[in-house]
Amino acid sequence: MTIADAHNEYPTTFAPRRLSKSKYLSGLQCHKRLYLEMHQPALATPPDASTQAILDMGTEIGVLAQQRFRGGVLVKSGFRQREAAIAETAALLQDPMIPAIFEGAFEYDGVLVRVDILERVQNREGGSSSWRLIEVKSSTRVKDVHLDDLSIQSHVVRGTGLRLDATCLMHIDTGYLYRGGEVDLQTLFSIEDVSEAVSDRRGSVPERLATMKVLLLESKAPRIEPDQHCHTPYECPFWAHCTKDKPQRWIYHLPGKKEIVSQLVRRGIVTIDDIPDDTRLSDVQRKVKDNIEWVSSELGRTLRSLSYPIHHLDAETVMLALPRFPFMRPYQSLPVQWSNHIEHESGEVAHQEFLHGEASDPRKRWVESLIESLGETGSIVVYSAYEESLIRQLAETFPEFKSAFKAIMKRLWDLLSVIKCHYYHPAFNGSYSIKSVLPAVVPSLGYDDLAIQAGGQAAAEYYRMVFVESDWVEQAGIREALLRYCERDTLAMVELRRVLGEKADRHI
């Protein structure tokens, strides 16, 4: 990414501080992001609960990975204790009895890094020790950004004079099946030697660093327009700041593949309304451009295909990097909660729910309670195919319930698919998420009044309630918030069906 000659009005008097590997990666993603992180970090949007949960999970996996290297020693000096951490690392490097160092600190070329794991190995001549640099990630595969991460780390470590025999990425192996007892760290983690790929990228590090250092001496942030790079490889925390002055129907809000957006931008198109009529767009993109409410003639008939009692089901799950219960794999969905609003032919609506609030295996209780709630009759309304995929997974885990699950799957009715095929509202803005659809169709009902407002946040709060939080008052508060959130999801489906039915009747 190049720096434009023009600059935004972000004057600063701060002298550039030393870089870190995270700042280097920010600079690779966007020079403006790096500049703001260094000089105006207060403009960033704080991480939400789901993002923070991912960060916390990464920390947990990092600590677990250390246990695979018996006898390893942790550099105890904190991340703000630069000089102490460097000195502590240097002392550990000189002790031949230490097989591995965790969180070693190194500084070179104006960059400070903390290395997850340095494993001591012998060089090929059998002389003094050399090292294997290992970066730990909670991901399940090697990504390009990991190679960039390792390239800056190895650049710094090698620059201090330390010999590296290999540069590796240690990540979760989803093929691992936990069978109970102690976790087998040898099979939970996969260590891949990516030395060659990292070496290819390391050659460009000095030039990139030099460019970043010059950039940070400027009195203003570079002018870089928001685009796809804002979301890859990570969501930029300055997105809200950089887009605050964009028009409501900014061209970037056009849903679907962003290649068409880039093409339109190059043609000088600023808003969705400016898109030429002859532009090839997808069906959803065309609806967004037309910006009018649309009701299919088949909507009413489709809604009337349901049979009473009509169940409205939403399931909540968590995905744990470290499997905690037998016969689970890393990141396998663990069902912990469900909500069911049951509408009878008389119009009466009843609500049933389940939430497992203990650190024990929730699956069997979840399954048994759900089967009982759904009974043997009536359609089961869901919003997406997620519940079906979850039920299929559980049927494999609990074969004794396979016939019951098979019968349930025949009753599933996806409201999301129905809306996509038969209804559109301009307020959707191209999104069919229930968080977008509900306030557009049923303005009186939304999620703004809830403590938990999204699935990722719910999963993060559940993890905190069960596996982290010890204060029973805080646990009770989280439990209530989880129940109200899941209840809202199923009530939303009841109300969406009702209002859509009214709209269909008016368009007969």
Protein backbone atom coordinates (compact mmCIF):
# COMPACT_ATOMS: atom_id res chain seq x y z
CA MET A 1 0.00 0.00 0.00
CA THR A 2 1.40 3.41 -0.93
CA ILE A 3 1.16 6.64 1.03
CA ALA A 4 -0.75 9.36 -0.75
CA ASP A 5 0.80 12.79 -0.96
CA ALA A 6 -2.22 14.39 0.63
CA HIS A 7 -2.83 14.00 4.34
CA ASN A 8 -5.75 14.16 6.73
CA GLU A 9 -5.79 16.62 9.55
CA TYR A 10 -4.22 14.56 12.30
CA PRO A 11 -1.45 16.80 13.59
CA THR A 12 0.77 15.30 16.23
CA THR A 13 3.79 16.30 18.24
CA PHE A 14 4.63 12.78 19.41
CA ALA A 15 8.00 11.33 18.60
CA PRO A 16 7.75 7.84 17.14
CA ARG A 17 8.11 5.07 19.70
CA ARG A 18 9.73 1.73 19.00
CA LEU A 19 7.72 -0.69 16.94
CA SER A 20 6.50 -4.13 17.92
CA LYS A 21 5.52 -7.08 15.80
CA SER A 22 1.82 -6.18 16.17
CA LYS A 23 2.53 -2.62 15.02
CA TYR A 24 4.55 -3.97 12.08
CA LEU A 25 1.61 -6.15 11.06
CA SER A 26 -0.70 -3.14 11.36
CA GLY A 27 1.61 -1.24 9.04
CA LEU A 28 1.47 -4.05 6.48
CA GLN A 29 -2.31 -3.94 6.57
CA CYS A 30 -2.57 -0.15 6.33
CA HIS A 31 -0.15 2.69 6.92
CA LYS A 32 -2.93 4.84 8.28
CA ARG A 33 -3.82 2.18 10.85
CA LEU A 34 -0.21 2.07 12.02
CA TYR A 35 -0.03 5.86 12.26
CA LEU A 36 -3.22 6.13 14.30
CA GLU A 37 -2.22 3.25 16.59
CA MET A 38 1.06 5.02 17.34
CA HIS A 39 -0.17 8.60 17.59
CA GLN A 40 -3.91 8.60 18.22
CA PRO A 41 -4.92 5.24 19.71
CA ALA A 42 -7.93 6.78 21.47
CA LEU A 43 -9.70 6.95 18.07
CA ALA A 44 -9.90 3.13 17.94
CA THR A 45 -13.06 1.24 18.78
CA PRO A 46 -12.40 -1.02 21.80
CA PRO A 47 -12.66 -4.76 21.08
CA ASP A 48 -16.13 -6.19 21.61
CA ALA A 49 -16.83 -9.20 23.82
CA SER A 50 -16.46 -11.74 21.02
CA THR A 51 -13.14 -10.24 19.86
CA GLN A 52 -11.86 -10.17 23.41
CA ALA A 53 -12.89 -13.81 23.83
CA ILE A 54 -10.79 -14.75 20.81
CA LEU A 55 -7.83 -12.89 22.31
CA ASP A 56 -8.34 -14.61 25.66
CA MET A 57 -8.56 -18.00 23.96
CA GLY A 58 -5.27 -17.28 22.20
CA THR A 59 -3.68 -16.52 25.56
CA GLU A 60 -5.02 -19.78 27.02
CA ILE A 61 -3.69 -21.80 24.09
CA GLY A 62 -0.31 -20.08 24.39
CA VAL A 63 0.02 -21.11 28.02
CA LEU A 64 -1.07 -24.67 27.20
CA ALA A 65 1.49 -24.90 24.39
CA GLN A 66 4.29 -24.16 26.83
CA GLN A 67 3.49 -27.38 28.69
CA ARG A 68 4.64 -29.37 25.67
CA PHE A 69 8.20 -28.18 26.29
CA ARG A 70 9.14 -29.67 29.65
CA GLY A 71 11.72 -27.73 31.60
CA GLY A 72 11.06 -24.51 29.69
CA VAL A 73 11.41 -21.23 31.59
CA LEU A 74 9.12 -18.20 31.32
CA VAL A 75 10.58 -14.69 31.13
CA LYS A 76 8.71 -13.16 34.06
CA SER A 77 9.29 -9.49 33.28
CA GLY A 78 6.13 -7.92 31.88
CA PHE A 79 5.62 -6.52 28.41
CA ARG A 80 6.21 -2.96 29.67
CA GLN A 81 9.42 -3.93 31.43
CA ARG A 82 11.56 -3.77 28.31
CA GLU A 83 15.08 -3.61 29.74
CA ALA A 84 14.39 -6.16 32.47
CA ALA A 85 12.83 -8.60 29.99
CA ILE A 86 15.77 -8.30 27.57
CA ALA A 87 18.28 -8.85 30.38
CA GLU A 88 16.33 -11.81 31.76
CA THR A 89 16.18 -13.37 28.30
CA ALA A 90 19.91 -12.90 27.77
CA ALA A 91 20.67 -14.69 31.04
CA LEU A 92 18.44 -17.64 30.15
CA LEU A 93 20.08 -17.96 26.74
CA GLN A 94 23.42 -18.51 28.43
CA ASP A 95 22.21 -21.38 30.62
CA PRO A 96 22.77 -24.62 28.65
CA MET A 97 20.46 -26.54 30.99
CA ILE A 98 17.36 -24.63 29.89
CA PRO A 99 15.68 -26.43 26.95
CA ALA A 100 13.21 -23.71 26.04
CA ILE A 101 12.43 -20.06 26.78
CA PHE A 102 8.90 -18.64 26.82
CA GLU A 103 8.17 -14.99 26.01
CA GLY A 104 11.80 -14.14 25.35
CA ALA A 105 12.41 -10.43 24.66
CA PHE A 106 14.60 -9.17 21.81
CA GLU A 107 15.20 -5.71 20.37
CA TYR A 108 16.83 -4.86 17.05
CA ASP A 109 16.38 -2.27 14.31
CA GLY A 110 13.97 -0.24 16.45
CA VAL A 111 11.61 -3.20 16.97
CA LEU A 112 10.87 -5.04 20.22
CA VAL A 113 9.44 -8.59 20.02
CA ARG A 114 8.41 -11.21 22.54
CA VAL A 115 8.86 -14.73 21.18
CA ASP A 116 6.30 -17.34 22.23
CA ILE A 117 8.76 -20.24 22.36
CA LEU A 118 12.49 -20.57 21.72
CA GLU A 119 13.51 -24.21 21.75
CA ARG A 120 17.21 -25.01 22.20
CA VAL A 121 18.70 -27.35 19.62
CA GLN A 122 22.26 -28.33 18.69
CA ASN A 123 23.74 -27.10 15.45
CA ARG A 124 24.86 -29.50 12.80
CA GLU A 125 28.54 -29.21 13.79
CA GLY A 126 27.72 -30.25 17.34
CA GLY A 127 29.05 -27.06 18.81
CA SER A 128 27.26 -24.27 20.59
CA SER A 129 23.49 -24.23 20.85
CA SER A 130 21.19 -22.88 18.23
CA TRP A 131 17.45 -22.33 18.45
CA ARG A 132 14.10 -23.07 16.94
CA LEU A 133 11.69 -20.12 16.98
CA ILE A 134 8.06 -21.21 17.45
CA GLU A 135 5.03 -18.94 17.21
CA VAL A 136 1.85 -20.30 18.82
CA LYS A 137 -1.55 -19.60 17.28
CA SER A 138 -5.03 -20.79 18.23
CA SER A 139 -5.88 -21.08 14.52
CA THR A 140 -6.09 -24.41 12.72
CA ARG A 141 -3.76 -23.70 9.80
CA VAL A 142 -0.88 -21.54 8.61
CA LYS A 143 -2.01 -18.17 7.22
CA ASP A 144 -0.15 -15.51 5.28
CA VAL A 145 -0.30 -13.13 8.24
CA HIS A 146 1.45 -15.75 10.38
CA LEU A 147 4.35 -15.78 7.94
CA ASP A 148 4.59 -11.99 8.15
CA ASP A 149 4.47 -12.30 11.94
CA LEU A 150 7.35 -14.76 11.92
CA SER A 151 9.32 -12.74 9.38
CA ILE A 152 9.55 -9.70 11.70
CA GLN A 153 10.28 -11.90 14.72
CA SER A 154 13.07 -13.79 13.00
CA HIS A 155 14.47 -10.53 11.58
CA VAL A 156 14.81 -9.13 15.09
CA VAL A 157 16.08 -12.32 16.76
CA ARG A 158 18.66 -12.98 14.04
CA GLY A 159 19.68 -9.35 14.19
CA THR A 160 20.70 -9.77 17.83
CA GLY A 161 23.14 -12.48 16.77
CA LEU A 162 21.14 -15.51 17.84
CA ARG A 163 21.35 -18.49 15.52
CA LEU A 164 18.00 -19.89 14.33
CA ASP A 165 17.93 -23.35 12.81
CA ALA A 166 14.21 -23.21 12.06
CA THR A 167 11.19 -20.96 12.20
CA CYS A 168 7.93 -22.74 12.97
CA LEU A 169 4.23 -22.20 13.54
CA MET A 170 2.48 -24.20 16.25
CA HIS A 171 -1.29 -24.40 15.77
CA ILE A 172 -4.35 -26.45 16.72
CA ASP A 173 -4.90 -29.75 14.89
CA THR A 174 -8.65 -30.20 14.36
CA GLY A 175 -8.04 -33.89 13.69
CA TYR A 176 -7.38 -34.41 17.39
CA LEU A 177 -10.18 -36.29 19.19
CA TYR A 178 -10.25 -35.83 22.95
CA ARG A 179 -11.16 -39.08 24.67
CA GLY A 180 -11.11 -37.89 28.27
CA GLY A 181 -8.40 -37.61 30.91
CA GLU A 182 -5.31 -35.53 30.20
CA VAL A 183 -5.11 -33.67 26.90
CA ASP A 184 -2.52 -35.18 24.57
CA LEU A 185 -0.48 -32.09 23.72
CA GLN A 186 1.54 -33.99 21.14
CA THR A 187 -1.53 -34.51 18.96
CA LEU A 188 -3.53 -31.42 19.96
CA PHE A 189 -0.84 -29.21 18.45
CA SER A 190 0.77 -29.38 15.06
CA ILE A 191 4.20 -27.77 14.53
CA GLU A 192 4.97 -26.79 10.93
CA ASP A 193 8.41 -25.71 9.77
CA VAL A 194 7.82 -22.62 7.63
CA SER A 195 11.45 -21.48 7.50
CA GLU A 196 11.62 -21.24 3.72
CA ALA A 197 8.41 -19.23 3.37
CA VAL A 198 9.48 -16.92 6.21
CA SER A 199 12.93 -16.43 4.68
CA ASP A 200 11.32 -15.29 1.44
CA ARG A 201 9.41 -12.57 3.32
CA ARG A 202 12.19 -11.60 5.69
CA GLY A 203 14.18 -10.04 2.86
CA SER A 204 11.61 -7.26 2.49
CA VAL A 205 11.39 -6.49 6.21
CA PRO A 206 14.18 -3.83 6.40
CA GLU A 207 12.70 -1.77 3.56
CA ARG A 208 9.20 -2.01 4.99
CA LEU A 209 10.42 -0.99 8.42
CA ALA A 210 12.27 1.99 6.97
CA THR A 211 9.12 3.14 5.19
CA MET A 212 7.07 2.84 8.37
CA LYS A 213 9.62 4.79 10.41
CA VAL A 214 9.57 7.66 7.90
CA LEU A 215 5.77 7.60 7.90
CA LEU A 216 5.64 7.93 11.67
CA LEU A 217 7.74 11.11 11.57
CA GLU A 218 5.06 12.89 9.54
CA SER A 219 2.88 15.48 11.26
CA LYS A 220 -0.32 14.10 9.75
CA ALA A 221 -1.78 10.70 9.04
CA PRO A 222 -1.68 9.47 5.45
CA ARG A 223 -4.86 9.82 3.42
CA ILE A 224 -5.95 6.29 2.64
CA GLU A 225 -9.54 5.56 1.69
CA PRO A 226 -11.38 2.75 3.52
CA ASP A 227 -11.63 -0.36 1.39
CA GLN A 228 -11.31 -4.14 1.54
CA HIS A 229 -7.92 -3.91 3.24
CA CYS A 230 -9.71 -2.61 6.37
CA HIS A 231 -11.02 -6.11 7.02
CA THR A 232 -8.05 -8.27 6.00
CA PRO A 233 -6.29 -9.97 7.69
CA TYR A 234 -7.97 -8.37 10.72
CA GLU A 235 -10.83 -5.98 11.31
CA CYS A 236 -9.34 -2.54 11.71
CA PRO A 237 -10.34 -0.84 14.99
CA PHE A 238 -10.37 2.54 13.22
CA TRP A 239 -13.10 1.60 10.74
CA ALA A 240 -15.78 3.65 12.52
CA HIS A 241 -13.47 6.64 12.68
CA CYS A 242 -12.38 6.49 9.05
CA THR A 243 -15.95 6.04 7.75
CA LYS A 244 -17.81 8.47 10.02
CA ASP A 245 -18.27 11.03 7.24
CA LYS A 246 -19.33 8.60 4.51
CA PRO A 247 -22.86 8.96 3.04
CA GLN A 248 -25.62 6.67 4.30
CA ARG A 249 -25.77 4.78 1.01
CA TRP A 250 -22.01 4.71 0.51
CA ILE A 251 -21.01 2.38 -2.32
CA TYR A 252 -19.03 0.19 0.08
CA HIS A 253 -22.31 -0.83 1.74
CA LEU A 254 -23.30 -2.73 -1.41
CA PRO A 255 -23.46 -6.39 -0.28
CA GLY A 256 -21.89 -9.36 -2.01
CA LYS A 257 -18.52 -9.69 -3.70
CA LYS A 258 -16.49 -6.54 -3.30
CA GLU A 259 -14.85 -6.78 -6.73
CA ILE A 260 -17.85 -4.97 -8.22
CA VAL A 261 -17.49 -2.28 -5.55
CA SER A 262 -13.84 -1.73 -6.45
CA GLN A 263 -14.76 -1.48 -10.13
CA LEU A 264 -17.46 1.08 -9.40
CA VAL A 265 -15.14 3.13 -7.18
CA ARG A 266 -12.57 3.27 -9.98
CA ARG A 267 -15.37 4.68 -12.18
CA GLY A 268 -15.98 7.45 -9.66
CA ILE A 269 -19.18 5.99 -8.14
CA VAL A 270 -19.62 7.19 -4.56
CA THR A 271 -23.12 6.03 -3.55
CA ILE A 272 -25.32 3.05 -4.34
CA ASP A 273 -27.83 5.41 -5.94
CA ASP A 274 -25.16 6.48 -8.46
CA ILE A 275 -24.75 2.94 -9.85
CA PRO A 276 -25.68 2.96 -13.57
CA ASP A 277 -28.85 0.98 -14.35
CA ASP A 278 -27.04 -1.24 -16.84
CA THR A 279 -24.51 -2.48 -14.24
CA ARG A 280 -24.58 -6.26 -13.76
CA LEU A 281 -25.65 -6.86 -10.15
CA SER A 282 -26.74 -9.88 -8.14
CA ASP A 283 -30.38 -10.21 -7.12
CA VAL A 284 -29.66 -8.90 -3.62
CA GLN A 285 -27.51 -6.07 -4.94
CA ARG A 286 -30.30 -5.08 -7.32
CA LYS A 287 -32.80 -4.97 -4.46
CA VAL A 288 -30.42 -2.78 -2.45
CA LYS A 289 -30.00 -0.40 -5.40
CA ASP A 290 -33.76 -0.23 -6.09
CA ASN A 291 -34.27 0.56 -2.38
CA ILE A 292 -37.97 -0.38 -2.29
CA GLU A 293 -40.00 -2.85 -0.28
CA TRP A 294 -40.73 -6.03 -2.23
CA VAL A 295 -43.24 -8.77 -1.40
CA SER A 296 -43.42 -12.00 -3.39
CA SER A 297 -46.84 -13.22 -4.51
CA GLU A 298 -45.90 -16.60 -2.99
CA LEU A 299 -45.12 -15.31 0.50
CA GLY A 300 -48.59 -15.93 1.91
CA ARG A 301 -48.84 -19.47 0.56
CA THR A 302 -45.40 -20.32 1.91
CA LEU A 303 -46.24 -19.03 5.40
CA ARG A 304 -49.49 -21.01 5.43
CA SER A 305 -47.58 -24.25 4.78
CA LEU A 306 -46.67 -24.42 8.48
CA SER A 307 -48.49 -26.83 10.77
CA TYR A 308 -49.48 -26.28 14.40
CA PRO A 309 -48.18 -26.25 17.04
CA ILE A 310 -45.51 -24.05 15.47
CA HIS A 311 -42.21 -24.20 17.34
CA HIS A 312 -39.64 -21.41 17.03
CA LEU A 313 -36.20 -22.75 17.88
CA ASP A 314 -32.86 -21.06 18.49
CA ALA A 315 -29.77 -22.88 19.73
CA GLU A 316 -26.68 -21.29 21.24
CA THR A 317 -23.28 -22.95 21.23
CA VAL A 318 -19.67 -22.29 22.17
CA MET A 319 -16.62 -23.37 20.20
CA LEU A 320 -13.68 -24.25 22.42
CA ALA A 321 -10.17 -24.48 21.02
CA LEU A 322 -9.37 -26.91 23.82
CA PRO A 323 -11.97 -29.71 23.93
CA ARG A 324 -13.15 -30.26 27.50
CA PHE A 325 -15.46 -33.25 27.13
CA PRO A 326 -14.92 -36.75 25.69
CA PHE A 327 -15.27 -37.34 21.97
CA MET A 328 -15.01 -33.70 21.03
CA ARG A 329 -12.58 -32.07 18.62
CA PRO A 330 -11.08 -28.57 18.80
CA TYR A 331 -13.58 -25.89 17.79
CA GLN A 332 -16.42 -28.35 17.58
CA SER A 333 -19.76 -26.70 18.42
CA LEU A 334 -20.81 -27.39 22.00
CA PRO A 335 -24.55 -26.85 22.54
CA VAL A 336 -25.30 -25.07 25.83
CA GLN A 337 -28.65 -23.31 25.42
CA TRP A 338 -31.93 -23.32 23.51
CA SER A 339 -35.14 -21.32 23.41
CA ASN A 340 -38.49 -22.41 21.99
CA HIS A 341 -41.58 -20.25 21.52
CA ILE A 342 -44.57 -22.50 20.78
CA GLU A 343 -47.55 -21.00 18.98
CA HIS A 344 -50.78 -23.01 19.16
CA GLU A 345 -53.58 -22.84 16.63
CA SER A 346 -55.64 -20.84 19.15
CA GLY A 347 -53.05 -18.08 19.00
CA GLU A 348 -51.68 -18.83 22.46
CA VAL A 349 -47.87 -18.65 22.67
CA ALA A 350 -45.85 -20.51 25.31
CA HIS A 351 -42.11 -20.25 25.97
CA GLN A 352 -39.68 -22.96 27.06
CA GLU A 353 -35.93 -22.69 27.51
CA PHE A 354 -32.78 -24.47 28.64
CA LEU A 355 -29.39 -23.16 29.76
CA HIS A 356 -26.61 -25.35 31.11
CA GLY A 357 -24.83 -23.29 33.74
CA GLU A 358 -22.18 -25.73 34.99
CA ALA A 359 -18.67 -26.70 33.88
CA SER A 360 -19.86 -30.24 33.12
CA ASP A 361 -20.75 -31.78 29.75
CA PRO A 362 -24.04 -30.15 28.67
CA ARG A 363 -24.76 -32.21 25.56
CA LYS A 364 -26.97 -35.06 26.77
CA ARG A 365 -29.12 -32.83 28.99
CA TRP A 366 -29.40 -30.34 26.13
CA VAL A 367 -30.52 -33.08 23.74
CA GLU A 368 -33.03 -34.71 26.09
CA SER A 369 -34.64 -31.42 27.10
CA LEU A 370 -34.91 -30.24 23.49
CA ILE A 371 -36.52 -33.46 22.25
CA GLU A 372 -39.06 -33.21 25.05
CA SER A 373 -39.86 -29.57 24.24
CA LEU A 374 -40.28 -30.12 20.49
CA GLY A 375 -42.55 -33.13 20.93
CA GLU A 376 -43.60 -35.12 17.89
CA THR A 377 -45.88 -32.70 16.01
CA GLY A 378 -45.80 -29.25 14.46
CA SER A 379 -43.38 -27.31 12.28
CA ILE A 380 -40.09 -26.12 13.76
CA VAL A 381 -39.15 -22.63 12.59
CA VAL A 382 -35.42 -21.80 12.62
CA TYR A 383 -33.42 -18.91 11.22
CA SER A 384 -30.66 -20.42 9.03
CA ALA A 385 -29.46 -23.97 8.58
CA TYR A 386 -27.33 -23.89 11.73
CA GLU A 387 -29.71 -25.85 13.94
CA GLU A 388 -29.97 -28.60 11.35
CA SER A 389 -26.18 -28.97 11.10
CA LEU A 390 -25.92 -29.02 14.89
CA ILE A 391 -28.58 -31.73 15.19
CA ARG A 392 -26.81 -33.82 12.54
CA GLN A 393 -23.58 -33.55 14.51
CA LEU A 394 -25.28 -34.56 17.76
CA ALA A 395 -27.01 -37.51 16.09
CA GLU A 396 -23.56 -38.91 15.35
CA THR A 397 -22.41 -38.34 18.91
CA PHE A 398 -25.55 -39.83 20.47
CA PRO A 399 -26.80 -42.61 18.18
CA GLU A 400 -29.53 -43.51 20.69
CA PHE A 401 -31.29 -40.27 19.69
CA LYS A 402 -30.74 -40.62 15.94
CA SER A 403 -34.33 -41.59 15.12
CA ALA A 404 -35.73 -38.72 17.20
CA PHE A 405 -33.38 -36.27 15.51
CA LYS A 406 -34.27 -37.63 12.07
CA ALA A 407 -37.94 -36.93 12.77
CA ILE A 408 -37.10 -33.42 14.04
CA MET A 409 -35.09 -32.55 10.92
CA LYS A 410 -38.09 -33.39 8.73
CA ARG A 411 -40.08 -30.72 10.60
CA LEU A 412 -37.52 -27.90 10.26
CA TRP A 413 -38.65 -24.78 8.38
CA ASP A 414 -36.06 -22.09 7.62
CA LEU A 415 -37.51 -18.58 7.95
CA LEU A 416 -34.28 -17.04 6.64
CA SER A 417 -34.62 -18.84 3.30
CA VAL A 418 -38.27 -17.79 3.08
CA ILE A 419 -37.43 -14.12 3.62
CA LYS A 420 -34.57 -14.25 1.11
CA CYS A 421 -36.91 -15.68 -1.54
CA HIS A 422 -40.07 -13.71 -0.79
CA TYR A 423 -39.42 -10.40 0.95
CA TYR A 424 -37.07 -7.42 1.00
CA HIS A 425 -37.08 -4.13 2.91
CA PRO A 426 -34.77 -1.16 2.20
CA ALA A 427 -33.75 -1.07 5.86
CA PHE A 428 -32.11 -4.48 5.43
CA ASN A 429 -29.27 -2.72 3.58
CA GLY A 430 -28.53 -6.00 1.87
CA SER A 431 -28.22 -8.00 5.09
CA TYR A 432 -30.61 -10.83 5.99
CA SER A 433 -29.23 -11.23 9.50
CA ILE A 434 -32.05 -11.36 12.02
CA LYS A 435 -30.40 -8.35 13.71
CA SER A 436 -31.04 -6.38 10.48
CA VAL A 437 -34.37 -7.92 9.52
CA LEU A 438 -36.18 -7.65 12.86
CA PRO A 439 -36.02 -3.85 13.42
CA ALA A 440 -36.95 -3.28 9.76
CA VAL A 441 -40.03 -5.53 9.82
CA VAL A 442 -41.00 -5.19 13.49
CA PRO A 443 -39.73 -1.73 14.60
CA SER A 444 -41.14 -2.20 18.09
CA LEU A 445 -38.88 -5.19 18.72
CA GLY A 446 -35.11 -5.24 18.58
CA TYR A 447 -32.00 -6.06 20.59
CA ASP A 448 -30.90 -2.63 21.79
CA ASP A 449 -32.45 -3.09 25.24
CA LEU A 450 -30.52 -6.32 25.92
CA ALA A 451 -27.20 -6.70 27.72
CA ILE A 452 -26.22 -9.32 25.12
CA GLN A 453 -27.00 -8.41 21.51
CA ALA A 454 -25.12 -10.88 19.30
CA GLY A 455 -24.24 -14.56 19.11
CA GLY A 456 -20.51 -14.01 19.42
CA GLN A 457 -21.05 -11.95 22.54
CA ALA A 458 -23.35 -14.66 23.95
CA ALA A 459 -20.69 -17.34 23.43
CA ALA A 460 -18.06 -15.15 25.06
CA GLU A 461 -20.27 -14.40 28.06
CA TYR A 462 -21.20 -18.06 28.47
CA TYR A 463 -17.52 -19.01 28.54
CA ARG A 464 -16.89 -16.33 31.15
CA MET A 465 -19.86 -17.45 33.26
CA VAL A 466 -18.93 -21.15 33.30
CA PHE A 467 -15.15 -21.30 32.97
CA VAL A 468 -13.84 -17.96 34.30
CA GLU A 469 -16.15 -16.03 36.63
CA SER A 470 -16.29 -17.16 40.26
CA ASP A 471 -18.52 -14.44 41.70
CA TRP A 472 -22.04 -15.91 41.94
CA VAL A 473 -23.69 -12.49 41.59
CA GLU A 474 -21.85 -11.88 38.31
CA GLN A 475 -22.68 -15.41 37.18
CA ALA A 476 -26.38 -14.82 37.89
CA GLY A 477 -26.30 -11.59 35.89
CA ILE A 478 -24.70 -13.30 32.88
CA ARG A 479 -27.19 -16.17 33.10
CA GLU A 480 -30.14 -13.80 33.01
CA ALA A 481 -28.65 -11.89 30.06
CA LEU A 482 -28.11 -15.14 28.13
CA LEU A 483 -31.68 -16.28 28.74
CA ARG A 484 -33.15 -12.97 27.61
CA TYR A 485 -31.01 -12.89 24.46
CA CYS A 486 -31.94 -16.39 23.32
CA GLU A 487 -35.60 -15.76 24.20
CA ARG A 488 -35.54 -12.63 22.03
CA ASP A 489 -34.27 -14.62 19.05
CA THR A 490 -37.24 -16.98 19.10
CA LEU A 491 -39.78 -14.27 19.93
CA ALA A 492 -38.37 -12.40 16.93
CA MET A 493 -39.33 -15.30 14.67
CA VAL A 494 -42.89 -15.34 16.05
CA GLU A 495 -43.30 -11.62 15.36
CA LEU A 496 -41.60 -11.77 11.97
CA ARG A 497 -44.03 -14.48 10.86
CA ARG A 498 -46.98 -12.45 12.10
CA VAL A 499 -46.01 -9.21 10.36
CA LEU A 500 -44.94 -10.95 7.15
CA GLY A 501 -48.31 -12.68 7.07
CA GLU A 502 -50.03 -9.30 7.31
CA LYS A 503 -47.86 -7.92 4.49
CA ALA A 504 -48.62 -10.96 2.33
CA ASP A 505 -52.37 -10.51 2.88
CA ARG A 506 -52.17 -6.88 1.76
CA HIS A 507 -50.38 -7.86 -1.45
CA ILE A 508 -52.85 -10.53 -2.57
